[in-house]
Amino acid sequence: MDFIVSEFINLIKGCSNGLALEKEVWRRGIELQSQAFARALEIYDAEMARQYAGKQEVLRIDRRTMLCMFGTVTFSRRLIRREDGKAILSLR
């Protein structure tokens, strides 16, 4: 939370008027939300991989970009081979 507050303080100092400030706060807020969501997806993917450790093989880790209502989100996900030999993406 302190990081976000300090980001807003820097925006306040750097903007010349209220409209410019509002636009920058909006832009930065969406950027932070997209980053947080991407990080949450990667953490969830890692938790799923740990849960099934030994029962699957990680074939590779791919980057995926998806467009959300709040912006573009890019994250990593694992392509795994299950015990039955079927390859699946842990986050689809």
N, C-alpha and C. Protein backbone atom coordinates (compact mmCIF):
# COMPACT_ATOMS: atom_id res chain seq x y z
N MET A 1 0.82 -1.19 0.00
CA MET A 1 0.00 0.00 0.00
C MET A 1 0.86 1.26 0.00
N ASP A 2 1.96 1.23 0.76
CA ASP A 2 2.86 2.39 0.80
C ASP A 2 3.42 2.70 -0.58
N PHE A 3 3.70 1.64 -1.36
CA PHE A 3 4.22 1.84 -2.71
C PHE A 3 3.22 2.60 -3.56
N ILE A 4 1.96 2.23 -3.48
CA ILE A 4 0.92 2.88 -4.27
C ILE A 4 0.76 4.35 -3.85
N VAL A 5 0.77 4.58 -2.55
CA VAL A 5 0.65 5.96 -2.05
C VAL A 5 1.82 6.80 -2.55
N SER A 6 3.03 6.25 -2.50
CA SER A 6 4.19 7.01 -2.97
C SER A 6 4.10 7.26 -4.48
N GLU A 7 3.54 6.31 -5.23
CA GLU A 7 3.32 6.51 -6.67
C GLU A 7 2.37 7.69 -6.89
N PHE A 8 1.30 7.73 -6.12
CA PHE A 8 0.33 8.82 -6.26
C PHE A 8 0.96 10.16 -5.89
N ILE A 9 1.78 10.19 -4.85
CA ILE A 9 2.46 11.43 -4.46
C ILE A 9 3.35 11.93 -5.60
N ASN A 10 4.07 11.02 -6.23
CA ASN A 10 4.91 11.40 -7.38
C ASN A 10 4.06 11.94 -8.52
N LEU A 11 2.89 11.35 -8.74
CA LEU A 11 2.00 11.84 -9.79
C LEU A 11 1.49 13.24 -9.46
N ILE A 12 1.13 13.45 -8.20
CA ILE A 12 0.64 14.77 -7.78
C ILE A 12 1.72 15.82 -8.02
N LYS A 13 2.94 15.49 -7.66
CA LYS A 13 4.05 16.44 -7.84
C LYS A 13 4.33 16.72 -9.31
N GLY A 14 4.12 15.73 -10.16
CA GLY A 14 4.52 15.85 -11.55
C GLY A 14 3.47 16.36 -12.51
N CYS A 15 2.23 16.45 -12.10
CA CYS A 15 1.16 16.88 -13.01
C CYS A 15 0.88 18.37 -12.85
N SER A 16 0.62 18.99 -13.98
CA SER A 16 0.43 20.44 -13.98
C SER A 16 -1.00 20.88 -13.66
N ASN A 17 -1.97 19.99 -13.86
CA ASN A 17 -3.36 20.37 -13.57
C ASN A 17 -4.17 19.14 -13.15
N GLY A 18 -5.37 19.39 -12.69
CA GLY A 18 -6.22 18.32 -12.17
C GLY A 18 -6.59 17.27 -13.20
N LEU A 19 -6.87 17.69 -14.41
CA LEU A 19 -7.26 16.73 -15.46
C LEU A 19 -6.09 15.82 -15.81
N ALA A 20 -4.91 16.39 -15.95
CA ALA A 20 -3.72 15.58 -16.23
C ALA A 20 -3.46 14.60 -15.09
N LEU A 21 -3.64 15.06 -13.86
CA LEU A 21 -3.45 14.20 -12.70
C LEU A 21 -4.44 13.05 -12.71
N GLU A 22 -5.71 13.35 -12.97
CA GLU A 22 -6.73 12.31 -12.99
C GLU A 22 -6.43 11.26 -14.07
N LYS A 23 -6.00 11.71 -15.23
CA LYS A 23 -5.67 10.77 -16.31
C LYS A 23 -4.50 9.87 -15.92
N GLU A 24 -3.48 10.45 -15.29
CA GLU A 24 -2.30 9.67 -14.89
C GLU A 24 -2.64 8.70 -13.76
N VAL A 25 -3.47 9.14 -12.81
CA VAL A 25 -3.89 8.24 -11.73
C VAL A 25 -4.67 7.07 -12.31
N TRP A 26 -5.54 7.34 -13.25
CA TRP A 26 -6.33 6.28 -13.90
C TRP A 26 -5.40 5.31 -14.65
N ARG A 27 -4.49 5.86 -15.46
CA ARG A 27 -3.58 5.03 -16.24
C ARG A 27 -2.71 4.17 -15.33
N ARG A 28 -2.14 4.78 -14.30
CA ARG A 28 -1.26 4.04 -13.39
C ARG A 28 -2.03 3.00 -12.58
N GLY A 29 -3.25 3.33 -12.19
CA GLY A 29 -4.07 2.38 -11.45
C GLY A 29 -4.37 1.13 -12.26
N ILE A 30 -4.70 1.33 -13.53
CA ILE A 30 -4.98 0.19 -14.41
C ILE A 30 -3.71 -0.63 -14.63
N GLU A 31 -2.59 0.05 -14.79
CA GLU A 31 -1.31 -0.64 -14.97
C GLU A 31 -0.99 -1.51 -13.75
N LEU A 32 -1.16 -0.96 -12.55
CA LEU A 32 -0.90 -1.72 -11.33
C LEU A 32 -1.86 -2.89 -11.18
N GLN A 33 -3.11 -2.68 -11.54
CA GLN A 33 -4.10 -3.76 -11.47
C GLN A 33 -3.73 -4.89 -12.43
N SER A 34 -3.32 -4.57 -13.62
CA SER A 34 -2.92 -5.58 -14.61
C SER A 34 -1.71 -6.37 -14.11
N GLN A 35 -0.73 -5.67 -13.54
CA GLN A 35 0.46 -6.33 -13.01
C GLN A 35 0.11 -7.26 -11.85
N ALA A 36 -0.76 -6.80 -10.97
CA ALA A 36 -1.15 -7.61 -9.81
C ALA A 36 -1.91 -8.85 -10.25
N PHE A 37 -2.79 -8.71 -11.24
CA PHE A 37 -3.55 -9.86 -11.73
C PHE A 37 -2.63 -10.86 -12.41
N ALA A 38 -1.67 -10.39 -13.19
CA ALA A 38 -0.71 -11.28 -13.84
C ALA A 38 0.10 -12.04 -12.79
N ARG A 39 0.53 -11.35 -11.76
CA ARG A 39 1.29 -12.00 -10.68
C ARG A 39 0.44 -13.05 -9.97
N ALA A 40 -0.82 -12.74 -9.73
CA ALA A 40 -1.72 -13.71 -9.08
C ALA A 40 -1.87 -14.97 -9.94
N LEU A 41 -2.01 -14.80 -11.25
CA LEU A 41 -2.12 -15.96 -12.14
C LEU A 41 -0.86 -16.81 -12.10
N GLU A 42 0.30 -16.18 -12.09
CA GLU A 42 1.56 -16.93 -12.03
C GLU A 42 1.73 -17.66 -10.71
N ILE A 43 1.33 -17.03 -9.62
CA ILE A 43 1.40 -17.70 -8.30
C ILE A 43 0.46 -18.89 -8.27
N TYR A 44 -0.74 -18.73 -8.79
CA TYR A 44 -1.70 -19.85 -8.83
C TYR A 44 -1.16 -20.99 -9.69
N ASP A 45 -0.57 -20.67 -10.82
CA ASP A 45 0.02 -21.68 -11.70
C ASP A 45 1.11 -22.45 -10.97
N ALA A 46 1.96 -21.74 -10.23
CA ALA A 46 3.03 -22.39 -9.46
C ALA A 46 2.47 -23.28 -8.36
N GLU A 47 1.39 -22.83 -7.70
CA GLU A 47 0.76 -23.64 -6.65
C GLU A 47 0.20 -24.93 -7.24
N MET A 48 -0.42 -24.84 -8.40
CA MET A 48 -0.95 -26.04 -9.05
C MET A 48 0.18 -26.99 -9.41
N ALA A 49 1.30 -26.47 -9.87
CA ALA A 49 2.45 -27.31 -10.23
C ALA A 49 2.99 -28.03 -9.00
N ARG A 50 3.08 -27.32 -7.88
CA ARG A 50 3.55 -27.96 -6.63
C ARG A 50 2.58 -29.04 -6.15
N GLN A 51 1.29 -28.78 -6.31
CA GLN A 51 0.27 -29.73 -5.84
C GLN A 51 0.39 -31.07 -6.56
N TYR A 52 0.77 -31.03 -7.82
CA TYR A 52 0.85 -32.26 -8.60
C TYR A 52 2.29 -32.68 -8.89
N ALA A 53 3.23 -32.19 -8.11
CA ALA A 53 4.64 -32.55 -8.31
C ALA A 53 4.80 -34.07 -8.25
N GLY A 54 5.54 -34.62 -9.19
CA GLY A 54 5.75 -36.06 -9.25
C GLY A 54 4.71 -36.79 -10.07
N LYS A 55 3.56 -36.17 -10.31
CA LYS A 55 2.49 -36.78 -11.08
C LYS A 55 2.43 -36.22 -12.50
N GLN A 56 3.29 -35.24 -12.77
CA GLN A 56 3.28 -34.61 -14.08
C GLN A 56 4.67 -34.12 -14.42
N GLU A 57 4.88 -33.83 -15.68
CA GLU A 57 6.16 -33.31 -16.16
C GLU A 57 5.91 -31.96 -16.81
N VAL A 58 6.70 -30.97 -16.43
CA VAL A 58 6.59 -29.65 -17.06
C VAL A 58 7.36 -29.71 -18.38
N LEU A 59 6.65 -29.52 -19.48
CA LEU A 59 7.27 -29.56 -20.80
C LEU A 59 7.92 -28.22 -21.15
N ARG A 60 7.23 -27.14 -20.82
CA ARG A 60 7.79 -25.80 -21.06
C ARG A 60 6.93 -24.77 -20.32
N ILE A 61 7.46 -23.57 -20.25
CA ILE A 61 6.73 -22.45 -19.67
C ILE A 61 6.54 -21.42 -20.78
N ASP A 62 5.31 -21.07 -21.06
CA ASP A 62 4.96 -20.13 -22.13
C ASP A 62 4.45 -18.82 -21.54
N ARG A 63 4.57 -17.76 -22.32
CA ARG A 63 3.99 -16.46 -21.97
C ARG A 63 2.66 -16.35 -22.71
N ARG A 64 1.67 -15.81 -22.04
CA ARG A 64 0.38 -15.59 -22.67
C ARG A 64 -0.04 -14.16 -22.39
N THR A 65 -0.62 -13.54 -23.39
CA THR A 65 -1.16 -12.20 -23.24
C THR A 65 -2.64 -12.26 -23.50
N MET A 66 -3.41 -11.69 -22.59
CA MET A 66 -4.86 -11.64 -22.79
C MET A 66 -5.34 -10.23 -22.53
N LEU A 67 -6.38 -9.87 -23.23
CA LEU A 67 -6.96 -8.54 -23.10
C LEU A 67 -8.15 -8.62 -22.16
N CYS A 68 -8.07 -7.86 -21.07
CA CYS A 68 -9.14 -7.80 -20.08
C CYS A 68 -9.80 -6.42 -20.17
N MET A 69 -10.91 -6.26 -19.49
CA MET A 69 -11.58 -4.96 -19.48
C MET A 69 -10.70 -3.87 -18.88
N PHE A 70 -9.80 -4.25 -17.99
CA PHE A 70 -8.95 -3.27 -17.33
C PHE A 70 -7.57 -3.16 -17.96
N GLY A 71 -7.34 -3.85 -19.06
CA GLY A 71 -6.07 -3.71 -19.77
C GLY A 71 -5.49 -5.04 -20.19
N THR A 72 -4.30 -4.96 -20.73
CA THR A 72 -3.58 -6.14 -21.21
C THR A 72 -2.85 -6.79 -20.04
N VAL A 73 -2.96 -8.13 -19.97
CA VAL A 73 -2.30 -8.88 -18.91
C VAL A 73 -1.42 -9.94 -19.58
N THR A 74 -0.13 -9.95 -19.24
CA THR A 74 0.80 -10.94 -19.76
C THR A 74 1.35 -11.73 -18.58
N PHE A 75 1.31 -13.05 -18.70
CA PHE A 75 1.76 -13.91 -17.60
C PHE A 75 2.36 -15.20 -18.15
N SER A 76 3.04 -15.94 -17.28
CA SER A 76 3.64 -17.22 -17.64
C SER A 76 2.75 -18.35 -17.14
N ARG A 77 2.73 -19.43 -17.92
CA ARG A 77 1.98 -20.62 -17.51
C ARG A 77 2.71 -21.86 -18.00
N ARG A 78 2.45 -22.97 -17.35
CA ARG A 78 3.16 -24.21 -17.67
C ARG A 78 2.35 -25.09 -18.61
N LEU A 79 3.06 -25.70 -19.54
CA LEU A 79 2.49 -26.79 -20.34
C LEU A 79 2.99 -28.06 -19.68
N ILE A 80 2.06 -28.89 -19.23
CA ILE A 80 2.45 -30.08 -18.47
C ILE A 80 1.95 -31.34 -19.16
N ARG A 81 2.66 -32.45 -18.90
CA ARG A 81 2.21 -33.76 -19.37
C ARG A 81 1.74 -34.52 -18.14
N ARG A 82 0.48 -34.89 -18.15
CA ARG A 82 -0.09 -35.64 -17.02
C ARG A 82 0.37 -37.09 -17.06
N GLU A 83 0.01 -37.82 -16.00
CA GLU A 83 0.39 -39.23 -15.93
C GLU A 83 -0.15 -40.04 -17.10
N ASP A 84 -1.33 -39.64 -17.61
CA ASP A 84 -1.92 -40.37 -18.74
C ASP A 84 -1.29 -40.01 -20.08
N GLY A 85 -0.28 -39.11 -20.07
CA GLY A 85 0.43 -38.73 -21.28
C GLY A 85 -0.15 -37.53 -22.01
N LYS A 86 -1.31 -37.06 -21.56
CA LYS A 86 -1.95 -35.91 -22.21
C LYS A 86 -1.27 -34.61 -21.77
N ALA A 87 -0.98 -33.75 -22.76
CA ALA A 87 -0.36 -32.45 -22.47
C ALA A 87 -1.50 -31.41 -22.30
N ILE A 88 -1.42 -30.65 -21.21
CA ILE A 88 -2.41 -29.61 -20.95
C ILE A 88 -1.72 -28.36 -20.44
N LEU A 89 -2.38 -27.23 -20.61
CA LEU A 89 -1.91 -25.98 -20.02
C LEU A 89 -2.56 -25.84 -18.66
N SER A 90 -1.76 -25.51 -17.65
CA SER A 90 -2.30 -25.40 -16.31
C SER A 90 -3.27 -24.23 -16.18
N LEU A 91 -3.05 -23.16 -16.90
CA LEU A 91 -3.99 -22.04 -16.96
C LEU A 91 -4.42 -21.90 -18.41
N ARG A 92 -5.70 -22.09 -18.68
CA ARG A 92 -6.18 -22.01 -20.07
C ARG A 92 -6.70 -20.69 -20.42
